[in-house]
């Protein structure tokens, strides 16, 4: 027995924690999740971790190992393995409106529940006591899943109770960030309950996890105070949807997505996200994202419109789920050439090209970095320029040395 987890200590020292909560879920008597400044979820070690638990943490923690992409008919160094690439939306107008884009993930999760494929959906919703923050819930009805629809740009630890969830009754559809799904896939290599209990893993493209401080600044920019807020949506109820806060005395603040994300939250992204080799949910069964309409420059346009999701099926299970949802009339989809994603998600392409240089900066400054085998990191880097790589290498090294990652 050891006090704490050596893997967790290494991950925290290198600022590689994504906050997924896996370590606390594996060793709940020794590790708990807590919030640290400026507002990230981090493990706190306070007891002995068994050798078996440490083996699982070392194998599955996304700050230690990122799950390699699986074999599929197609593969792209930015966009990952795929069976099919499509655009689409939920056919239910309420689901489409509530979702952050076209409601694809919500529609698929609801369909999985309605058909009995799963009996539980694990997902993140707004904390009723602190609406800019998140909690993880277990939903067993379509209405509960729909109530939690919409992006949540704040810390979340959906795997913090994973041992308890896997021990419960009923199969699970898991909705999480790419790093959360990576952790769950890796956990399956040492815990057979994952594959038996979780037939559906759904992920969304992730631009990085901001801190709570960013959300608090947004609220104050609206002329409100965070402790007055009783309801808060980062997005949804339209596409992309307004950031909206409501206070207990009925005042309302609103902000455009381009201002809330582009002006505030994107500046608050934690370091692990800046070196993420799989921000596109490459090991999920289905990954979804905003199918932005690119402008003449190729940069997404953020005017309000009818939601449209980018949908990528990555496994036979994902193919089956999507086919069933379309056949039941829950989803409408159209094929998309994978190269078109470059125009819809240009920031994701830039980030993937930068990973090799940024992790090289970690190595050069003697900092740890996660294992990233089988994720086409070098193939993505080769699509960029030498100048782009040099800028990312030098910039990351400088920030590490200055202690401001």
Protein backbone atom coordinates (compact mmCIF):
# COMPACT_ATOMS: atom_id res chain seq x y z
CA UNK A 1 0.00 0.00 0.00
CA UNK A 2 1.14 3.55 -0.71
CA UNK A 3 -0.15 6.84 0.61
CA UNK A 4 -1.75 8.46 -2.39
CA UNK A 5 -1.15 7.65 -6.03
CA UNK A 6 2.25 8.25 -7.65
CA UNK A 7 0.45 8.72 -10.96
CA UNK A 8 -1.80 11.40 -9.53
CA UNK A 9 1.17 13.19 -7.96
CA UNK A 10 2.99 13.20 -11.30
CA UNK A 11 -0.07 14.41 -13.18
CA UNK A 12 -0.70 17.23 -10.73
CA UNK A 13 2.95 18.28 -10.76
CA UNK A 14 2.87 18.60 -14.54
CA UNK A 15 -0.54 20.35 -14.57
CA UNK A 16 -1.81 17.49 -16.70
CA UNK A 17 -5.06 16.88 -14.81
CA UNK A 18 -8.25 17.21 -16.83
CA UNK A 19 -10.44 16.99 -13.74
CA UNK A 20 -12.36 13.93 -14.97
CA UNK A 21 -12.56 12.38 -11.50
CA UNK A 22 -11.49 8.89 -12.55
CA UNK A 23 -8.91 8.54 -9.80
CA UNK A 24 -11.48 9.43 -7.14
CA UNK A 25 -13.93 6.98 -8.69
CA UNK A 26 -11.36 4.17 -8.55
CA UNK A 27 -10.06 4.97 -5.05
CA UNK A 28 -12.93 6.82 -3.31
CA UNK A 29 -11.58 6.14 0.18
CA UNK A 30 -8.23 7.73 -0.66
CA UNK A 31 -9.00 10.46 -3.22
CA UNK A 32 -11.73 13.07 -3.45
CA UNK A 33 -12.31 15.82 -6.00
CA UNK A 34 -12.12 19.42 -4.89
CA UNK A 35 -12.11 22.84 -6.56
CA UNK A 36 -8.87 24.81 -6.73
CA UNK A 37 -8.19 28.35 -7.92
CA UNK A 38 -9.00 29.76 -10.40
CA UNK A 39 -11.77 27.19 -10.59
CA UNK A 40 -10.69 23.74 -11.77
CA UNK A 41 -11.63 20.31 -10.41
CA UNK A 42 -8.63 18.48 -8.94
CA UNK A 43 -8.01 15.33 -6.88
CA UNK A 44 -7.06 15.62 -3.23
CA UNK A 45 -5.24 12.63 -1.79
CA UNK A 46 -5.83 11.72 1.83
CA UNK A 47 -5.41 7.96 2.16
CA UNK A 48 -3.74 4.78 1.02
CA UNK A 49 -4.20 3.65 -2.59
CA UNK A 50 -3.98 -0.09 -3.19
CA UNK A 51 -1.64 -1.51 -5.81
CA UNK A 52 -4.61 -2.62 -7.89
CA UNK A 53 -6.18 0.85 -7.78
CA UNK A 54 -2.88 2.47 -8.69
CA UNK A 55 -2.53 0.15 -11.67
CA UNK A 56 -5.97 1.20 -12.89
CA UNK A 57 -5.26 4.89 -12.36
CA UNK A 58 -1.94 4.69 -14.19
CA UNK A 59 -3.63 2.86 -17.04
CA UNK A 60 -6.68 5.09 -17.43
CA UNK A 61 -5.93 8.63 -16.15
CA UNK A 62 -6.01 10.92 -19.23
CA UNK A 63 -3.22 12.97 -17.71
CA UNK A 64 -1.08 9.83 -17.83
CA UNK A 65 -2.28 7.94 -20.94
CA UNK A 66 -4.62 9.05 -23.70
CA UNK A 67 -6.60 6.19 -25.25
CA UNK A 68 -5.35 5.35 -28.75
CA UNK A 69 -7.74 5.66 -31.67
CA UNK A 70 -9.47 2.47 -32.72
CA UNK A 71 -9.44 0.90 -36.17
CA UNK A 72 -12.15 2.16 -38.54
CA UNK A 73 -12.74 2.30 -42.31
CA UNK A 74 -11.55 5.90 -42.43
CA UNK A 75 -9.03 7.94 -40.46
CA UNK A 76 -7.94 11.59 -40.47
CA UNK A 77 -5.07 13.05 -38.42
CA UNK A 78 -7.27 15.89 -37.16
CA UNK A 79 -10.71 14.30 -37.06
CA UNK A 80 -9.89 10.76 -36.01
CA UNK A 81 -11.25 7.35 -37.04
CA UNK A 82 -14.66 7.24 -38.67
CA UNK A 83 -17.27 5.04 -40.26
CA UNK A 84 -19.40 7.92 -41.46
CA UNK A 85 -19.20 11.71 -41.37
CA UNK A 86 -22.49 13.60 -41.52
CA UNK A 87 -24.35 16.74 -40.65
CA UNK A 88 -27.74 16.49 -39.06
CA UNK A 89 -30.11 17.44 -36.30
CA UNK A 90 -32.73 16.09 -33.96
CA UNK A 91 -36.13 16.00 -35.65
CA UNK A 92 -37.90 16.91 -32.42
CA UNK A 93 -37.94 20.75 -32.50
CA UNK A 94 -37.62 20.93 -28.71
CA UNK A 95 -34.52 18.74 -28.66
CA UNK A 96 -32.97 20.63 -31.56
CA UNK A 97 -33.62 23.99 -29.90
CA UNK A 98 -32.38 22.99 -26.45
CA UNK A 99 -29.15 21.43 -27.70
CA UNK A 100 -26.04 23.49 -28.29
CA UNK A 101 -26.00 22.71 -32.01
CA UNK A 102 -28.52 20.38 -33.64
CA UNK A 103 -29.27 18.30 -30.55
CA UNK A 104 -27.57 15.17 -31.92
CA UNK A 105 -26.12 13.86 -28.65
CA UNK A 106 -29.34 14.51 -26.77
CA UNK A 107 -31.40 12.79 -29.47
CA UNK A 108 -29.13 9.74 -29.51
CA UNK A 109 -29.15 9.42 -25.72
CA UNK A 110 -32.95 9.73 -25.60
CA UNK A 111 -33.32 7.14 -28.36
CA UNK A 112 -31.03 4.74 -26.48
CA UNK A 113 -33.26 5.11 -23.42
CA UNK A 114 -36.53 4.73 -25.27
CA UNK A 115 -35.45 1.55 -27.04
CA UNK A 116 -34.07 -0.10 -23.92
CA UNK A 117 -30.50 -0.13 -25.18
CA UNK A 118 -29.65 1.62 -21.91
CA UNK A 119 -31.53 2.32 -18.72
CA UNK A 120 -29.37 5.17 -17.44
CA UNK A 121 -27.71 8.22 -18.99
CA UNK A 122 -24.72 9.71 -17.16
CA UNK A 123 -24.28 13.37 -18.04
CA UNK A 124 -23.41 16.79 -16.65
CA UNK A 125 -25.97 19.49 -15.81
CA UNK A 126 -25.98 22.86 -14.09
CA UNK A 127 -25.55 22.79 -10.33
CA UNK A 128 -28.86 24.10 -8.94
CA UNK A 129 -27.04 25.76 -6.05
CA UNK A 130 -24.28 27.32 -8.22
CA UNK A 131 -25.69 27.48 -11.77
CA UNK A 132 -22.40 28.46 -13.44
CA UNK A 133 -20.92 25.21 -12.05
CA UNK A 134 -21.68 21.58 -12.88
CA UNK A 135 -22.83 18.38 -11.24
CA UNK A 136 -23.07 14.85 -12.66
CA UNK A 137 -26.49 13.23 -12.77
CA UNK A 138 -28.02 9.87 -13.67
CA UNK A 139 -31.08 10.35 -15.87
CA UNK A 140 -33.56 7.56 -16.52
CA UNK A 141 -36.17 9.43 -18.57
CA UNK A 142 -36.03 11.36 -21.86
CA UNK A 143 -37.39 14.41 -20.07
CA UNK A 144 -34.49 14.41 -17.62
CA UNK A 145 -31.95 14.07 -20.42
CA UNK A 146 -33.53 16.97 -22.32
CA UNK A 147 -33.54 19.13 -19.19
CA UNK A 148 -29.74 18.85 -19.10
CA UNK A 149 -29.16 19.66 -22.78
CA UNK A 150 -26.73 22.41 -23.75
CA UNK A 151 -23.00 22.98 -23.41
CA UNK A 152 -21.51 23.41 -19.95
CA UNK A 153 -18.21 25.29 -20.16
CA UNK A 154 -17.08 24.61 -16.61
CA UNK A 155 -15.24 22.02 -14.57
CA UNK A 156 -16.90 18.62 -14.36
CA UNK A 157 -15.87 15.26 -12.91
CA UNK A 158 -18.32 12.74 -14.40
CA UNK A 159 -16.15 9.74 -13.44
CA UNK A 160 -15.83 10.60 -9.74
CA UNK A 161 -18.40 7.92 -8.85
CA UNK A 162 -17.56 5.46 -11.62
CA UNK A 163 -17.11 2.41 -9.36
CA UNK A 164 -20.52 2.96 -7.79
CA UNK A 165 -22.11 3.57 -11.20
CA UNK A 166 -20.65 0.39 -12.68
CA UNK A 167 -21.90 -1.56 -9.67
CA UNK A 168 -25.45 -0.28 -10.17
CA UNK A 169 -28.24 -1.87 -12.18
CA UNK A 170 -29.01 -0.96 -15.76
CA UNK A 171 -26.83 -0.31 -18.77
CA UNK A 172 -25.35 3.16 -19.22
CA UNK A 173 -25.05 5.72 -21.97
CA UNK A 174 -22.14 7.95 -20.99
CA UNK A 175 -21.90 11.54 -22.28
CA UNK A 176 -18.64 13.31 -21.61
CA UNK A 177 -15.69 15.32 -22.77
CA UNK A 178 -13.18 13.50 -24.99
CA UNK A 179 -10.82 13.09 -22.03
CA UNK A 180 -13.63 11.57 -19.95
CA UNK A 181 -14.40 9.04 -22.68
CA UNK A 182 -10.68 8.32 -23.09
CA UNK A 183 -10.46 7.53 -19.38
CA UNK A 184 -13.46 5.23 -19.55
CA UNK A 185 -12.10 3.39 -22.61
CA UNK A 186 -8.80 2.87 -20.85
CA UNK A 187 -10.52 1.75 -17.68
CA UNK A 188 -12.22 -0.95 -19.77
CA UNK A 189 -8.81 -2.53 -20.33
CA UNK A 190 -8.58 -3.36 -16.61
CA UNK A 191 -12.24 -3.46 -15.56
CA UNK A 192 -14.55 -5.75 -17.55
CA UNK A 193 -17.63 -4.04 -16.12
CA UNK A 194 -17.13 -1.06 -18.42
CA UNK A 195 -17.77 -2.95 -21.65
CA UNK A 196 -20.57 -4.94 -20.03
CA UNK A 197 -22.35 -1.93 -18.54
CA UNK A 198 -21.60 0.92 -20.97
CA UNK A 199 -22.70 0.07 -24.52
CA UNK A 200 -22.84 3.73 -25.55
CA UNK A 201 -20.16 6.41 -25.16
CA UNK A 202 -20.95 9.81 -26.65
CA UNK A 203 -18.52 12.73 -26.84
CA UNK A 204 -18.45 16.25 -28.21
CA UNK A 205 -15.62 18.22 -29.74
CA UNK A 206 -14.02 20.15 -26.89
CA UNK A 207 -12.25 23.49 -27.19
CA UNK A 208 -10.87 23.20 -23.67
CA UNK A 209 -12.12 23.53 -20.11
CA UNK A 210 -12.28 27.08 -18.71
CA UNK A 211 -12.12 27.97 -15.03
CA UNK A 212 -14.98 29.17 -12.86
CA UNK A 213 -13.32 32.58 -12.75
CA UNK A 214 -14.14 33.08 -16.42
CA UNK A 215 -17.83 32.42 -15.85
CA UNK A 216 -17.86 34.79 -12.89
CA UNK A 217 -16.40 37.55 -15.06
CA UNK A 218 -19.09 36.97 -17.67
CA UNK A 219 -21.78 37.39 -15.02
CA UNK A 220 -20.19 40.61 -13.78
CA UNK A 221 -19.88 41.92 -17.33
CA UNK A 222 -23.65 41.47 -17.55
CA UNK A 223 -23.99 43.83 -14.57
CA UNK A 224 -24.84 41.02 -12.14
CA UNK A 225 -23.09 39.27 -9.27
CA UNK A 226 -22.37 35.51 -9.29
CA UNK A 227 -24.02 34.93 -5.91
CA UNK A 228 -27.25 36.45 -7.23
CA UNK A 229 -27.58 34.00 -10.12
CA UNK A 230 -30.21 31.25 -9.88
CA UNK A 231 -30.12 30.06 -13.52
CA UNK A 232 -27.30 30.12 -16.05
CA UNK A 233 -26.91 28.71 -19.57
CA UNK A 234 -23.63 28.85 -21.42
CA UNK A 235 -25.35 27.99 -24.72
CA UNK A 236 -28.39 26.29 -26.16
CA UNK A 237 -32.01 27.34 -26.70
CA UNK A 238 -30.92 28.35 -30.19
CA UNK A 239 -27.75 28.00 -32.23
CA UNK A 240 -25.27 28.86 -30.99
CA UNK A 241 -27.56 30.28 -28.32
CA UNK A 242 -26.98 33.16 -25.96
CA UNK A 243 -25.15 32.99 -22.67
CA UNK A 244 -27.92 33.86 -20.23
CA UNK A 245 -28.04 34.52 -16.50
CA UNK A 246 -31.09 35.07 -14.31
CA UNK A 247 -31.09 36.40 -10.75
CA UNK A 248 -33.43 35.58 -7.92
CA UNK A 249 -35.11 38.99 -8.23
CA UNK A 250 -35.87 38.49 -11.93
CA UNK A 251 -33.06 40.39 -13.64
CA UNK A 252 -31.62 38.86 -16.80
CA UNK A 253 -28.22 39.21 -18.46
CA UNK A 254 -27.37 37.97 -21.93
CA UNK A 255 -24.19 37.75 -24.03
CA UNK A 256 -23.42 36.50 -27.50
CA UNK A 257 -21.46 33.25 -27.79
CA UNK A 258 -18.64 34.99 -29.66
CA UNK A 259 -18.21 37.33 -26.69
CA UNK A 260 -18.68 34.84 -23.86
CA UNK A 261 -16.44 32.13 -25.32
CA UNK A 262 -14.16 34.19 -27.53
CA UNK A 263 -13.83 37.15 -25.17
CA UNK A 264 -13.71 35.40 -21.81
CA UNK A 265 -13.79 31.63 -21.45
CA UNK A 266 -11.25 30.71 -24.13
CA UNK A 267 -8.61 32.62 -22.14
CA UNK A 268 -9.23 30.46 -19.08
CA UNK A 269 -8.53 27.03 -20.55
CA UNK A 270 -6.43 24.73 -18.35
CA UNK A 271 -3.00 23.55 -19.52
CA UNK A 272 -3.95 19.91 -20.13
CA UNK A 273 -6.41 21.07 -22.78
CA UNK A 274 -3.73 23.03 -24.62
CA UNK A 275 -1.79 19.83 -25.30
CA UNK A 276 -4.81 17.57 -25.88
CA UNK A 277 -4.14 15.08 -28.71
CA UNK A 278 -7.78 14.02 -29.00
CA UNK A 279 -10.18 16.90 -28.46
CA UNK A 280 -12.56 15.40 -31.04
CA UNK A 281 -13.79 12.34 -29.14
CA UNK A 282 -11.84 9.89 -31.25
CA UNK A 283 -12.60 6.89 -29.02
CA UNK A 284 -16.30 7.58 -28.52
CA UNK A 285 -18.94 5.55 -30.35
CA UNK A 286 -20.32 8.78 -31.77
CA UNK A 287 -18.78 12.24 -31.59
CA UNK A 288 -20.70 15.42 -32.34
CA UNK A 289 -19.84 19.07 -32.76
CA UNK A 290 -21.11 22.32 -34.19
CA UNK A 291 -21.36 22.12 -37.97
CA UNK A 292 -20.59 25.81 -38.30
CA UNK A 293 -21.21 27.45 -41.64
CA UNK A 294 -17.79 28.81 -42.62
CA UNK A 295 -17.45 32.31 -43.97
CA UNK A 296 -15.24 33.37 -46.88
CA UNK A 297 -12.21 33.19 -44.59
CA UNK A 298 -13.13 29.72 -43.41
CA UNK A 299 -13.88 31.05 -39.90
CA UNK A 300 -17.21 29.95 -38.44
CA UNK A 301 -20.10 32.37 -38.48
CA UNK A 302 -21.92 32.72 -35.16
CA UNK A 303 -25.23 34.32 -36.14
CA UNK A 304 -28.26 32.64 -34.61
CA UNK A 305 -29.86 29.96 -36.76
CA UNK A 306 -31.39 26.50 -36.78
CA UNK A 307 -29.04 24.08 -35.06
CA UNK A 308 -26.87 21.80 -37.16
CA UNK A 309 -24.63 19.10 -35.71
CA UNK A 310 -21.54 17.50 -37.13
CA UNK A 311 -21.91 13.77 -36.44
CA UNK A 312 -19.09 11.22 -36.72
CA UNK A 313 -19.72 7.53 -36.10
CA UNK A 314 -16.54 5.86 -34.93
CA UNK A 315 -17.48 2.31 -33.98
CA UNK A 316 -19.95 -0.36 -35.11
CA UNK A 317 -21.94 0.41 -31.95
CA UNK A 318 -22.11 4.06 -32.95
CA UNK A 319 -23.18 3.14 -36.46
CA UNK A 320 -25.96 0.94 -35.11
CA UNK A 321 -27.24 3.60 -32.72
CA UNK A 322 -27.32 6.31 -35.37
CA UNK A 323 -29.00 4.03 -37.92
CA UNK A 324 -31.67 3.13 -35.39
CA UNK A 325 -32.27 6.78 -34.47
CA UNK A 326 -32.60 7.77 -38.13
CA UNK A 327 -34.91 4.83 -38.88
CA UNK A 328 -37.10 5.81 -35.94
CA UNK A 329 -37.32 9.38 -37.20
CA UNK A 330 -35.41 10.84 -34.25
CA UNK A 331 -32.52 12.16 -36.36
CA UNK A 332 -32.17 13.60 -39.86
CA UNK A 333 -28.68 13.36 -41.40
CA UNK A 334 -26.82 14.08 -44.63
CA UNK A 335 -23.34 12.87 -45.73
CA UNK A 336 -20.39 15.24 -45.44
CA UNK A 337 -16.91 15.05 -46.95
CA UNK A 338 -14.47 14.87 -44.07
CA UNK A 339 -12.34 17.67 -45.52
CA UNK A 340 -15.27 20.04 -44.96
CA UNK A 341 -14.70 19.82 -41.22
CA UNK A 342 -11.59 21.97 -41.69
CA UNK A 343 -13.89 24.91 -42.47
CA UNK A 344 -16.31 24.12 -39.65
CA UNK A 345 -13.72 23.57 -36.92
CA UNK A 346 -10.53 25.46 -37.88
CA UNK A 347 -9.44 26.00 -34.27
CA UNK A 348 -9.49 22.24 -33.66
CA UNK A 349 -7.25 21.71 -36.70
CA UNK A 350 -4.78 24.34 -35.45
CA UNK A 351 -4.72 22.83 -31.99
CA UNK A 352 -4.02 19.31 -33.26
CA UNK A 353 -1.16 20.58 -35.43
CA UNK A 354 0.33 22.26 -32.36
CA UNK A 355 0.32 19.25 -30.03
CA UNK A 356 3.69 17.81 -31.13
CA UNK A 357 5.47 21.14 -30.63
CA UNK A 358 3.77 21.88 -27.34
CA UNK A 359 4.58 18.47 -25.87
CA UNK A 360 8.14 18.81 -27.17
CA UNK A 361 8.33 21.98 -25.08
CA UNK A 362 7.26 19.93 -22.05
CA UNK A 363 10.07 17.46 -22.72
CA UNK A 364 12.61 20.24 -23.25
CA UNK A 365 11.72 21.80 -19.91
CA UNK A 366 11.78 18.40 -18.15
CA UNK A 367 8.03 18.40 -17.55
CA UNK A 368 5.89 15.24 -17.75
CA UNK A 369 3.38 14.72 -20.54
CA UNK A 370 0.79 12.04 -21.23
CA UNK A 371 1.45 9.03 -23.43
CA UNK A 372 -0.07 9.77 -26.83
CA UNK A 373 0.56 6.72 -28.98
CA UNK A 374 -1.83 5.94 -31.82
CA UNK A 375 -3.31 9.43 -32.09
CA UNK A 376 -1.59 10.69 -35.27
CA UNK A 377 0.08 13.59 -33.45
CA UNK A 378 3.07 13.71 -35.80
CA UNK A 379 0.91 13.24 -38.89
CA UNK A 380 -1.12 16.27 -37.84
CA UNK A 381 2.02 18.32 -37.17
CA UNK A 382 3.30 17.60 -40.67
CA UNK A 383 0.26 19.39 -42.07
CA UNK A 384 1.44 22.62 -40.48
CA UNK A 385 4.35 24.91 -41.20
CA UNK A 386 7.75 25.04 -39.55
CA UNK A 387 6.96 28.57 -38.40
CA UNK A 388 3.74 27.44 -36.71
CA UNK A 389 5.62 24.66 -34.90
CA UNK A 390 8.40 27.00 -33.77
CA UNK A 391 5.93 29.52 -32.38
CA UNK A 392 4.11 26.84 -30.40
CA UNK A 393 7.34 25.27 -29.13
CA UNK A 394 8.84 28.57 -27.98
CA UNK A 395 5.59 29.93 -26.57
CA UNK A 396 4.82 26.82 -24.53
CA UNK A 397 8.37 26.56 -23.20
CA UNK A 398 8.33 30.21 -22.20
CA UNK A 399 5.02 29.88 -20.35
CA UNK A 400 6.21 26.77 -18.52
CA UNK A 401 9.44 28.46 -17.42
CA UNK A 402 7.53 31.55 -16.33
CA UNK A 403 5.06 29.44 -14.38
CA UNK A 404 2.00 30.70 -16.25
CA UNK A 405 0.79 27.71 -18.23
